[in-house]
Amino acid sequence: MDAQAKTLNEQLQKQNAHILAMLSEKGRNIFFPKLGILSQSAQAKGKNINASIGEAVEDDGTSMHLPAFDALVNLPVNSIFPYAPSYGKKELRDLWKKFLVSKNPSLKEVLFSTPIATCGVTHGISMAGYMFADPGDAVVLSDLYWENYGLLLENGYGANIRTFELFHQGGFNMESFSRTLSSIQQDKIIVLLNFPNNPAGYTLLASEVDPVVDELHRLANAGKKIVVLIDDAYFGLVYEDNVFKESIFTRLAGLHENILAVKLDGATKEDYVWGFRVGFITYGIKNGSPELYEALENKTAGAIRGNISNISHLTQSLLQAVYSDQGYETAKQKKYAILKNRYSLLKETILKTPYPEYLEPLPFNSGYFMCLKLRRGLNAEKVRLHLLDKYSTGVIVFGDVIRLAFSAVPLAKIPEMVDNLYHACVDLDGK
């Protein structure tokens, strides 16, 4: 083990020994290299002659680039072309931390880490897997889950996904959640919570949050080491008053010294920039200290440097500029209103006669999606193919569940989408 990794581990051991037990073997061995090229380059910065950096520069010291880019991007050259830090741009990281508090007022008195920039939430989940998942570790998540979790955590790190039933009697299935957690014999459990959920489009109701938090607290009191990965990719897109509006990170970040809350979020869906690939990973734990968070941030930045080096400087700078624009919040609310109107119309339409004869909607209240099951024994995949061929309508199928992305359907076409789905069912039922 490198001496720098040992130093970080000693720092964690001193601050909270439980965290060392949560780290994977890779997580224990990783470090951000501060004694090699990066350190020497930092020492050479500002010198009369600097032959240390692996970039090409013009004679005037600015970043070398092709002139055609100047007409395409209205940003300073040094906000576009140089490498960004593996941690992410400090200005953007600090700004995102302020955003977390403004969006989650309960965090005002909570000490949590400064976010580390990732290449979207997908990369954030991968880096969390790097940090915490060893082969055979149990990862608990709902039975309705984004299929990429399997690629990231099972195929990527050899973890063992264990699912609980998301719904029971029209709400969160607390009994199944508790039963699944209790069935795991290992001392460490990784729990992945995704609200709003992809594919279900469901967020915990305000009344459902306490039981989830209490169950995790109970297990932590019993000695379990729990890493809670909180996929907040669709954060803020909630459409009902009784939904829990803040991230569950707010309830877990200071809950117990055996519970490490790992918030995974970013601009992708929150700010409608899917191709920018800028996300963040943020840590919170009871009695967390600046020294503890610094060690976790250094390890995370080391994992990123050893994986993709750093995140796009250009997209980070573009976001930073937009976040400073006076019209940012107003423009964002207009986009939210479009999605909420589509949600409301779909919710109203799908319950109209005669659609319930074939379509059984699962609970949904947020995000981009809703799911439904088919009645009368119809096969979801056959219905999907029939929709493509006869009705020029595309949907996604997960087993016996159909996912509708109302986020991608114009308001005027939502009734047509539901009607097409119904008539496809009628065609295949052979009535």
Protein backbone atom coordinates (compact mmCIF):
# COMPACT_ATOMS: atom_id res chain seq x y z
CA MET A 1 0.00 0.00 0.00
CA ASP A 2 1.30 3.44 -0.95
CA ALA A 3 2.35 5.64 1.95
CA GLN A 4 -0.11 8.32 0.86
CA ALA A 5 -3.00 5.83 1.08
CA LYS A 6 -1.79 4.78 4.52
CA THR A 7 -1.80 8.39 5.66
CA LEU A 8 -5.40 8.87 4.48
CA ASN A 9 -6.47 5.64 6.17
CA GLU A 10 -4.85 6.74 9.42
CA GLN A 11 -6.72 10.02 9.14
CA LEU A 12 -10.01 8.16 8.69
CA GLN A 13 -9.17 5.74 11.53
CA LYS A 14 -8.59 8.68 13.84
CA GLN A 15 -11.82 10.46 12.86
CA ASN A 16 -14.17 7.45 12.50
CA ALA A 17 -12.82 3.91 12.43
CA HIS A 18 -16.13 2.59 11.09
CA ILE A 19 -15.46 4.18 7.70
CA LEU A 20 -12.40 2.00 7.11
CA ALA A 21 -14.68 -1.03 7.43
CA MET A 22 -17.01 0.50 4.83
CA LEU A 23 -14.29 1.05 2.25
CA SER A 24 -13.59 -1.57 -0.38
CA GLU A 25 -10.10 -2.91 -0.87
CA LYS A 26 -9.72 -0.45 -3.75
CA GLY A 27 -11.07 2.32 -1.52
CA ARG A 28 -8.52 1.59 1.18
CA ASN A 29 -5.67 1.55 -1.31
CA ILE A 30 -6.60 4.64 -3.33
CA PHE A 31 -5.14 8.11 -2.76
CA PHE A 32 -4.76 11.36 -4.63
CA PRO A 33 -1.10 11.59 -5.69
CA LYS A 34 0.26 14.78 -4.17
CA LEU A 35 3.94 13.84 -4.24
CA GLY A 36 4.47 13.23 -7.97
CA ILE A 37 3.73 15.06 -11.22
CA LEU A 38 0.82 17.06 -9.81
CA SER A 39 2.81 18.31 -6.84
CA GLN A 40 5.81 19.26 -8.93
CA SER A 41 3.58 21.01 -11.49
CA ALA A 42 1.91 23.00 -8.71
CA GLN A 43 5.32 24.10 -7.40
CA ALA A 44 6.33 25.26 -10.88
CA LYS A 45 3.15 27.30 -11.47
CA GLY A 46 3.91 30.99 -12.03
CA LYS A 47 7.61 30.50 -12.64
CA ASN A 48 9.34 32.34 -15.50
CA ILE A 49 9.83 29.08 -17.36
CA ASN A 50 7.42 26.23 -16.69
CA ALA A 51 8.28 23.02 -18.51
CA SER A 52 6.29 20.86 -16.08
CA ILE A 53 2.72 20.75 -17.44
CA GLY A 54 1.49 18.30 -20.06
CA GLU A 55 -0.34 20.92 -22.10
CA ALA A 56 0.63 23.01 -25.11
CA VAL A 57 0.61 26.79 -24.57
CA GLU A 58 0.98 29.79 -26.82
CA ASP A 59 3.97 32.13 -26.53
CA ASP A 60 1.82 34.49 -24.45
CA GLY A 61 1.09 31.74 -21.91
CA THR A 62 -2.54 31.07 -22.88
CA SER A 63 -3.75 27.61 -23.82
CA MET A 64 -2.98 26.61 -27.38
CA HIS A 65 -6.20 25.97 -29.33
CA LEU A 66 -7.69 26.09 -32.80
CA PRO A 67 -9.09 29.56 -33.63
CA ALA A 68 -12.39 28.12 -34.90
CA PHE A 69 -13.40 27.47 -31.30
CA ASP A 70 -13.31 31.19 -30.46
CA ALA A 71 -16.51 31.86 -32.41
CA LEU A 72 -18.33 28.93 -30.80
CA VAL A 73 -17.80 29.51 -27.09
CA ASN A 74 -17.94 32.88 -25.36
CA LEU A 75 -15.76 32.05 -22.37
CA PRO A 76 -12.19 32.91 -21.38
CA VAL A 77 -9.64 30.59 -22.99
CA ASN A 78 -8.43 29.33 -19.62
CA SER A 79 -11.98 28.32 -18.68
CA ILE A 80 -12.15 25.98 -21.66
CA PHE A 81 -8.97 24.29 -22.75
CA PRO A 82 -6.72 23.47 -19.78
CA TYR A 83 -7.21 20.32 -17.73
CA ALA A 84 -9.65 20.75 -14.88
CA PRO A 85 -8.65 19.46 -11.43
CA SER A 86 -9.61 15.84 -10.70
CA TYR A 87 -11.71 17.20 -7.83
CA GLY A 88 -13.60 19.47 -10.26
CA LYS A 89 -13.47 23.25 -10.55
CA LYS A 90 -13.35 24.65 -7.05
CA GLU A 91 -15.71 27.52 -7.86
CA LEU A 92 -18.35 25.12 -9.20
CA ARG A 93 -17.90 22.68 -6.30
CA ASP A 94 -18.39 25.47 -3.77
CA LEU A 95 -21.40 26.76 -5.69
CA TRP A 96 -22.99 23.30 -5.81
CA LYS A 97 -22.51 22.94 -2.06
CA LYS A 98 -24.40 26.20 -1.56
CA PHE A 99 -27.11 24.88 -3.89
CA LEU A 100 -27.46 21.74 -1.78
CA VAL A 101 -28.24 23.83 1.28
CA SER A 102 -30.63 26.15 -0.56
CA LYS A 103 -32.52 23.17 -2.03
CA ASN A 104 -32.37 21.24 1.25
CA PRO A 105 -32.75 23.74 4.11
CA SER A 106 -32.36 20.95 6.67
CA LEU A 107 -28.66 20.80 5.74
CA LYS A 108 -28.03 24.31 7.07
CA GLU A 109 -26.66 23.03 10.38
CA VAL A 110 -25.12 19.80 9.00
CA LEU A 111 -21.40 19.45 8.32
CA PHE A 112 -20.93 17.56 5.06
CA SER A 113 -18.19 17.32 2.46
CA THR A 114 -17.53 19.60 -0.46
CA PRO A 115 -18.88 17.88 -3.59
CA ILE A 116 -16.41 16.20 -5.94
CA ALA A 117 -17.21 16.55 -9.65
CA THR A 118 -17.99 13.38 -11.57
CA CYS A 119 -18.74 12.69 -15.22
CA GLY A 120 -22.49 12.57 -14.62
CA VAL A 121 -24.32 10.53 -12.00
CA THR A 122 -23.41 7.29 -13.80
CA HIS A 123 -19.74 7.95 -13.20
CA GLY A 124 -20.52 8.99 -9.63
CA ILE A 125 -22.15 5.63 -8.97
CA SER A 126 -19.17 3.89 -10.53
CA MET A 127 -16.76 5.81 -8.30
CA ALA A 128 -18.91 5.00 -5.26
CA GLY A 129 -18.66 1.35 -6.29
CA TYR A 130 -14.89 1.73 -6.56
CA MET A 131 -14.75 3.25 -3.09
CA PHE A 132 -17.10 0.90 -1.24
CA ALA A 133 -18.03 -2.28 -3.16
CA ASP A 134 -15.98 -5.45 -2.92
CA PRO A 135 -16.88 -8.67 -4.76
CA GLY A 136 -19.78 -10.33 -2.93
CA ASP A 137 -20.88 -7.21 -1.03
CA ALA A 138 -24.65 -6.90 -0.83
CA VAL A 139 -26.27 -3.91 -2.54
CA VAL A 140 -29.92 -3.46 -1.57
CA LEU A 141 -32.20 -1.64 -3.98
CA SER A 142 -35.80 -1.79 -5.16
CA ASP A 143 -37.05 -4.36 -7.65
CA LEU A 144 -37.81 -1.52 -10.06
CA TYR A 145 -34.37 -0.15 -10.81
CA TRP A 146 -32.28 1.40 -13.57
CA GLU A 147 -30.60 -1.45 -15.40
CA ASN A 148 -27.26 0.39 -15.43
CA TYR A 149 -26.91 -0.35 -11.70
CA GLY A 150 -26.25 -3.96 -12.67
CA LEU A 151 -23.52 -3.01 -15.14
CA LEU A 152 -21.92 -0.61 -12.67
CA LEU A 153 -22.06 -2.55 -9.43
CA GLU A 154 -22.41 -6.22 -10.36
CA ASN A 155 -20.44 -6.40 -13.60
CA GLY A 156 -18.08 -3.60 -12.63
CA TYR A 157 -17.27 -4.48 -9.02
CA GLY A 158 -18.70 -7.94 -8.40
CA ALA A 159 -21.30 -6.78 -5.88
CA ASN A 160 -24.45 -8.82 -5.27
CA ILE A 161 -27.70 -6.92 -5.92
CA ARG A 162 -30.50 -7.82 -3.51
CA THR A 163 -33.91 -6.36 -4.28
CA PHE A 164 -36.98 -5.54 -2.23
CA GLU A 165 -40.48 -4.94 -3.57
CA LEU A 166 -40.90 -1.21 -4.07
CA PHE A 167 -44.68 -1.07 -3.73
CA HIS A 168 -47.39 -2.48 -1.50
CA GLN A 169 -50.98 -1.28 -1.40
CA GLY A 170 -50.23 1.86 -3.35
CA GLY A 171 -47.16 3.03 -1.43
CA PHE A 172 -43.61 2.21 -0.38
CA ASN A 173 -43.21 -1.39 0.77
CA MET A 174 -41.59 -0.87 4.14
CA GLU A 175 -42.03 -4.48 5.19
CA SER A 176 -40.13 -5.80 2.18
CA PHE A 177 -37.40 -3.17 2.63
CA SER A 178 -36.91 -4.15 6.26
CA ARG A 179 -37.06 -7.87 5.56
CA THR A 180 -34.45 -7.65 2.80
CA LEU A 181 -32.05 -5.63 4.94
CA SER A 182 -32.46 -8.00 7.87
CA SER A 183 -31.70 -11.03 5.69
CA ILE A 184 -28.15 -9.85 4.96
CA GLN A 185 -25.60 -11.50 7.21
CA GLN A 186 -22.55 -9.44 6.26
CA ASP A 187 -21.37 -6.71 8.61
CA LYS A 188 -21.43 -4.16 5.80
CA ILE A 189 -24.49 -3.32 3.73
CA ILE A 190 -24.67 -1.00 0.74
CA VAL A 191 -28.14 0.47 0.25
CA LEU A 192 -29.03 2.33 -2.94
CA LEU A 193 -31.98 4.71 -2.69
CA ASN A 194 -33.21 6.35 -5.90
CA PHE A 195 -35.96 8.96 -5.56
CA PRO A 196 -37.53 10.02 -7.86
CA ASN A 197 -37.17 6.44 -8.97
CA ASN A 198 -36.19 5.37 -12.45
CA PRO A 199 -38.28 3.66 -13.85
CA ALA A 200 -41.24 4.06 -11.48
CA GLY A 201 -41.31 7.85 -11.12
CA TYR A 202 -41.95 7.52 -7.39
CA THR A 203 -40.60 9.54 -4.47
CA LEU A 204 -41.20 8.70 -0.82
CA LEU A 205 -44.12 10.52 0.73
CA ALA A 206 -43.33 12.73 3.70
CA SER A 207 -45.07 10.12 5.87
CA GLU A 208 -42.89 7.30 4.50
CA VAL A 209 -39.47 8.78 5.24
CA ASP A 210 -39.31 8.23 9.02
CA PRO A 211 -39.81 4.43 8.84
CA VAL A 212 -36.99 4.13 6.29
CA VAL A 213 -34.66 6.26 8.38
CA ASP A 214 -35.62 4.41 11.58
CA GLU A 215 -34.88 1.03 10.01
CA LEU A 216 -31.40 2.10 8.91
CA HIS A 217 -30.80 3.60 12.35
CA ARG A 218 -31.87 0.33 14.00
CA LEU A 219 -29.40 -1.67 11.94
CA ALA A 220 -26.61 0.82 12.64
CA ASN A 221 -27.30 0.55 16.37
CA ALA A 222 -26.98 -3.22 15.99
CA GLY A 223 -23.47 -2.76 14.63
CA LYS A 224 -24.03 -2.90 10.87
CA LYS A 225 -21.81 -0.66 8.75
CA ILE A 226 -24.13 0.93 6.18
CA VAL A 227 -23.17 2.86 3.08
CA VAL A 228 -26.25 4.56 1.64
CA LEU A 229 -25.84 5.56 -1.99
CA ILE A 230 -28.46 8.20 -2.74
CA ASP A 231 -29.11 8.56 -6.47
CA ASP A 232 -30.66 12.02 -6.69
CA ALA A 233 -30.41 12.31 -10.47
CA TYR A 234 -34.01 13.57 -10.75
CA PHE A 235 -33.93 15.70 -7.62
CA GLY A 236 -36.49 18.50 -7.44
CA LEU A 237 -38.88 17.04 -10.03
CA VAL A 238 -41.72 16.25 -7.61
CA TYR A 239 -45.31 17.08 -8.48
CA GLU A 240 -47.46 16.35 -5.40
CA ASP A 241 -47.70 18.24 -2.10
CA ASN A 242 -47.43 15.13 0.09
CA VAL A 243 -44.10 14.05 -1.39
CA PHE A 244 -40.89 14.47 0.64
CA LYS A 245 -39.34 17.52 -0.98
CA GLU A 246 -35.78 17.31 0.29
CA SER A 247 -33.22 14.64 -0.43
CA ILE A 248 -33.19 11.77 2.06
CA PHE A 249 -29.49 12.69 2.39
CA THR A 250 -30.71 15.38 4.80
CA ARG A 251 -32.02 12.70 7.16
CA LEU A 252 -29.02 10.38 6.90
CA ALA A 253 -25.98 12.67 6.74
CA GLY A 254 -25.87 13.10 10.53
CA LEU A 255 -27.86 10.08 11.66
CA HIS A 256 -25.25 7.62 12.99
CA GLU A 257 -21.51 7.03 12.96
CA ASN A 258 -22.17 3.66 11.30
CA ILE A 259 -24.08 5.24 8.40
CA LEU A 260 -22.21 6.99 5.61
CA ALA A 261 -24.58 8.90 3.31
CA VAL A 262 -23.26 9.33 -0.24
CA LYS A 263 -25.23 11.81 -2.32
CA LEU A 264 -24.99 11.35 -6.08
CA ASP A 265 -26.51 14.15 -8.11
CA GLY A 266 -25.72 16.67 -10.80
CA ALA A 267 -26.83 19.02 -13.53
CA THR A 268 -27.88 16.35 -16.02
CA LYS A 269 -31.62 16.27 -15.26
CA GLU A 270 -31.86 19.12 -12.78
CA ASP A 271 -30.66 21.62 -15.38
CA TYR A 272 -31.54 19.76 -18.59
CA VAL A 273 -27.97 19.26 -19.85
CA TRP A 274 -27.79 15.51 -20.49
CA GLY A 275 -24.73 15.70 -22.74
CA PHE A 276 -22.70 17.90 -20.38
CA ARG A 277 -21.89 14.96 -18.07
CA VAL A 278 -21.32 16.91 -14.87
CA GLY A 279 -22.35 15.26 -11.62
CA PHE A 280 -21.23 15.35 -8.00
CA ILE A 281 -20.51 13.00 -5.13
CA THR A 282 -20.97 14.32 -1.58
CA TYR A 283 -20.46 12.65 1.81
CA GLY A 284 -22.18 13.03 5.15
CA ILE A 285 -21.87 11.15 8.45
CA LYS A 286 -22.62 11.84 12.11
CA ASN A 287 -19.77 13.76 13.77
CA GLY A 288 -18.06 14.14 10.43
CA SER A 289 -15.10 16.51 10.57
CA PRO A 290 -13.26 18.57 7.95
CA GLU A 291 -10.33 16.15 8.28
CA LEU A 292 -12.55 13.11 7.69
CA TYR A 293 -14.19 14.65 4.64
CA GLU A 294 -10.84 15.80 3.29
CA ALA A 295 -9.59 12.21 3.38
CA LEU A 296 -12.70 10.93 1.57
CA GLU A 297 -12.45 13.71 -0.99
CA ASN A 298 -8.77 12.90 -1.61
CA LYS A 299 -9.55 9.22 -2.11
CA THR A 300 -12.45 10.00 -4.43
CA ALA A 301 -10.36 12.41 -6.48
CA GLY A 302 -7.65 9.74 -6.67
CA ALA A 303 -10.18 7.22 -7.98
CA ILE A 304 -11.29 9.73 -10.61
CA ARG A 305 -7.72 10.55 -11.63
CA GLY A 306 -6.98 6.86 -12.03
CA ASN A 307 -10.20 6.35 -14.00
CA ILE A 308 -10.81 9.29 -16.38
CA SER A 309 -8.31 11.88 -15.06
CA ASN A 310 -10.82 14.75 -14.77
CA ILE A 311 -14.21 16.09 -15.88
CA SER A 312 -14.75 18.38 -18.87
CA HIS A 313 -13.50 21.87 -18.05
CA LEU A 314 -15.76 23.44 -20.68
CA THR A 315 -19.04 22.04 -19.36
CA GLN A 316 -18.14 22.94 -15.79
CA SER A 317 -17.40 26.50 -16.89
CA LEU A 318 -20.62 26.72 -18.89
CA LEU A 319 -22.65 25.62 -15.89
CA GLN A 320 -20.87 28.05 -13.62
CA ALA A 321 -21.72 30.88 -16.03
CA VAL A 322 -25.39 29.85 -16.33
CA TYR A 323 -25.77 29.53 -12.56
CA SER A 324 -24.67 33.15 -12.26
CA ASP A 325 -27.22 34.33 -14.82
CA GLN A 326 -30.11 36.36 -13.39
CA GLY A 327 -32.67 34.46 -15.45
CA TYR A 328 -31.53 31.00 -14.36
CA GLU A 329 -34.18 30.26 -11.72
CA THR A 330 -37.06 31.63 -13.81
CA ALA A 331 -36.05 29.61 -16.86
CA LYS A 332 -35.70 26.46 -14.75
CA GLN A 333 -39.18 26.90 -13.27
CA LYS A 334 -40.66 27.17 -16.77
CA LYS A 335 -39.17 23.82 -17.74
CA TYR A 336 -40.41 22.28 -14.49
CA ALA A 337 -43.92 23.55 -15.26
CA ILE A 338 -43.87 21.82 -18.65
CA LEU A 339 -43.00 18.49 -17.03
CA LYS A 340 -45.57 18.92 -14.27
CA ASN A 341 -48.32 19.64 -16.79
CA ARG A 342 -47.45 16.48 -18.71
CA TYR A 343 -47.45 14.49 -15.49
CA SER A 344 -50.84 15.86 -14.46
CA LEU A 345 -52.45 15.14 -17.83
CA LEU A 346 -51.06 11.60 -17.92
CA LYS A 347 -52.27 10.93 -14.38
CA GLU A 348 -55.75 12.18 -15.30
CA THR A 349 -55.91 10.41 -18.68
CA ILE A 350 -54.73 6.94 -17.73
CA LEU A 351 -57.54 6.51 -15.18
CA LYS A 352 -60.30 7.39 -17.65
CA THR A 353 -62.67 4.75 -18.98
CA PRO A 354 -62.00 2.43 -20.76
CA TYR A 355 -58.24 2.38 -20.11
CA PRO A 356 -58.24 0.61 -16.69
CA GLU A 357 -59.62 -2.50 -18.40
CA TYR A 358 -56.05 -3.19 -19.56
CA LEU A 359 -53.77 -0.66 -17.88
CA GLU A 360 -52.85 -0.79 -14.19
CA PRO A 361 -50.68 2.22 -13.30
CA LEU A 362 -48.15 1.79 -10.50
CA PRO A 363 -47.79 4.66 -8.00
CA PHE A 364 -46.01 7.68 -9.47
CA ASN A 365 -45.61 11.26 -8.33
CA SER A 366 -42.31 12.65 -9.67
CA GLY A 367 -39.43 12.43 -12.11
CA TYR A 368 -39.59 11.61 -15.82
CA PHE A 369 -41.48 8.32 -15.84
CA MET A 370 -44.43 6.23 -14.81
CA CYS A 371 -44.87 2.46 -14.96
CA LEU A 372 -47.86 0.24 -15.52
CA LYS A 373 -48.73 -3.39 -15.65
CA LEU A 374 -51.07 -5.00 -18.16
CA ARG A 375 -54.25 -6.76 -17.14
CA ARG A 376 -55.88 -9.83 -18.73
CA GLY A 377 -52.55 -11.69 -18.96
CA LEU A 378 -51.15 -9.65 -21.85
CA ASN A 379 -47.44 -9.89 -22.60
CA ALA A 380 -45.67 -6.53 -22.20
CA GLU A 381 -43.01 -7.22 -24.83
CA LYS A 382 -45.58 -8.24 -27.43
CA VAL A 383 -47.53 -5.07 -26.70
CA ARG A 384 -44.36 -2.99 -27.06
CA LEU A 385 -43.58 -4.47 -30.47
CA HIS A 386 -47.18 -4.06 -31.61
CA LEU A 387 -47.08 -0.39 -30.54
CA LEU A 388 -44.01 0.14 -32.69
CA ASP A 389 -45.39 -1.62 -35.75
CA LYS A 390 -49.01 -0.42 -35.82
CA TYR A 391 -49.16 2.75 -33.72
CA SER A 392 -45.70 4.30 -34.24
CA THR A 393 -45.30 4.53 -30.47
CA GLY A 394 -42.19 3.58 -28.50
CA VAL A 395 -42.12 2.53 -24.84
CA ILE A 396 -39.69 0.63 -22.59
CA VAL A 397 -40.40 -2.79 -21.09
CA PHE A 398 -38.84 -4.19 -17.89
CA GLY A 399 -40.12 -7.75 -17.49
CA ASP A 400 -43.88 -7.40 -17.09
CA VAL A 401 -43.75 -3.62 -16.55
CA ILE A 402 -44.10 -0.92 -19.21
CA ARG A 403 -42.33 2.41 -18.62
CA LEU A 404 -43.70 5.60 -20.16
CA ALA A 405 -41.32 8.57 -20.31
CA PHE A 406 -43.81 11.44 -20.22
CA SER A 407 -40.80 13.77 -20.06
CA ALA A 408 -40.25 13.07 -23.78
CA VAL A 409 -43.88 13.34 -24.97
CA PRO A 410 -45.45 16.70 -25.91
CA LEU A 411 -48.51 17.55 -23.86
CA ALA A 412 -50.83 17.32 -26.87
CA LYS A 413 -49.70 13.75 -27.62
CA ILE A 414 -50.12 12.27 -24.14
CA PRO A 415 -53.80 11.30 -24.63
CA GLU A 416 -52.86 9.74 -27.97
CA MET A 417 -50.05 7.75 -26.31
CA VAL A 418 -52.44 6.27 -23.74
CA ASP A 419 -55.07 5.58 -26.39
CA ASN A 420 -52.51 3.83 -28.61
CA LEU A 421 -51.43 1.67 -25.69
CA TYR A 422 -55.02 0.73 -24.93
CA HIS A 423 -55.82 -0.18 -28.53
CA ALA A 424 -52.65 -2.25 -28.83
CA CYS A 425 -53.89 -4.24 -25.84
CA VAL A 426 -57.34 -4.64 -27.45
CA ASP A 427 -55.70 -5.88 -30.67
CA LEU A 428 -53.63 -8.52 -28.87
CA ASP A 429 -56.38 -9.60 -26.52
CA GLY A 430 -58.36 -10.79 -29.52
CA LYS A 431 -61.72 -9.81 -28.15
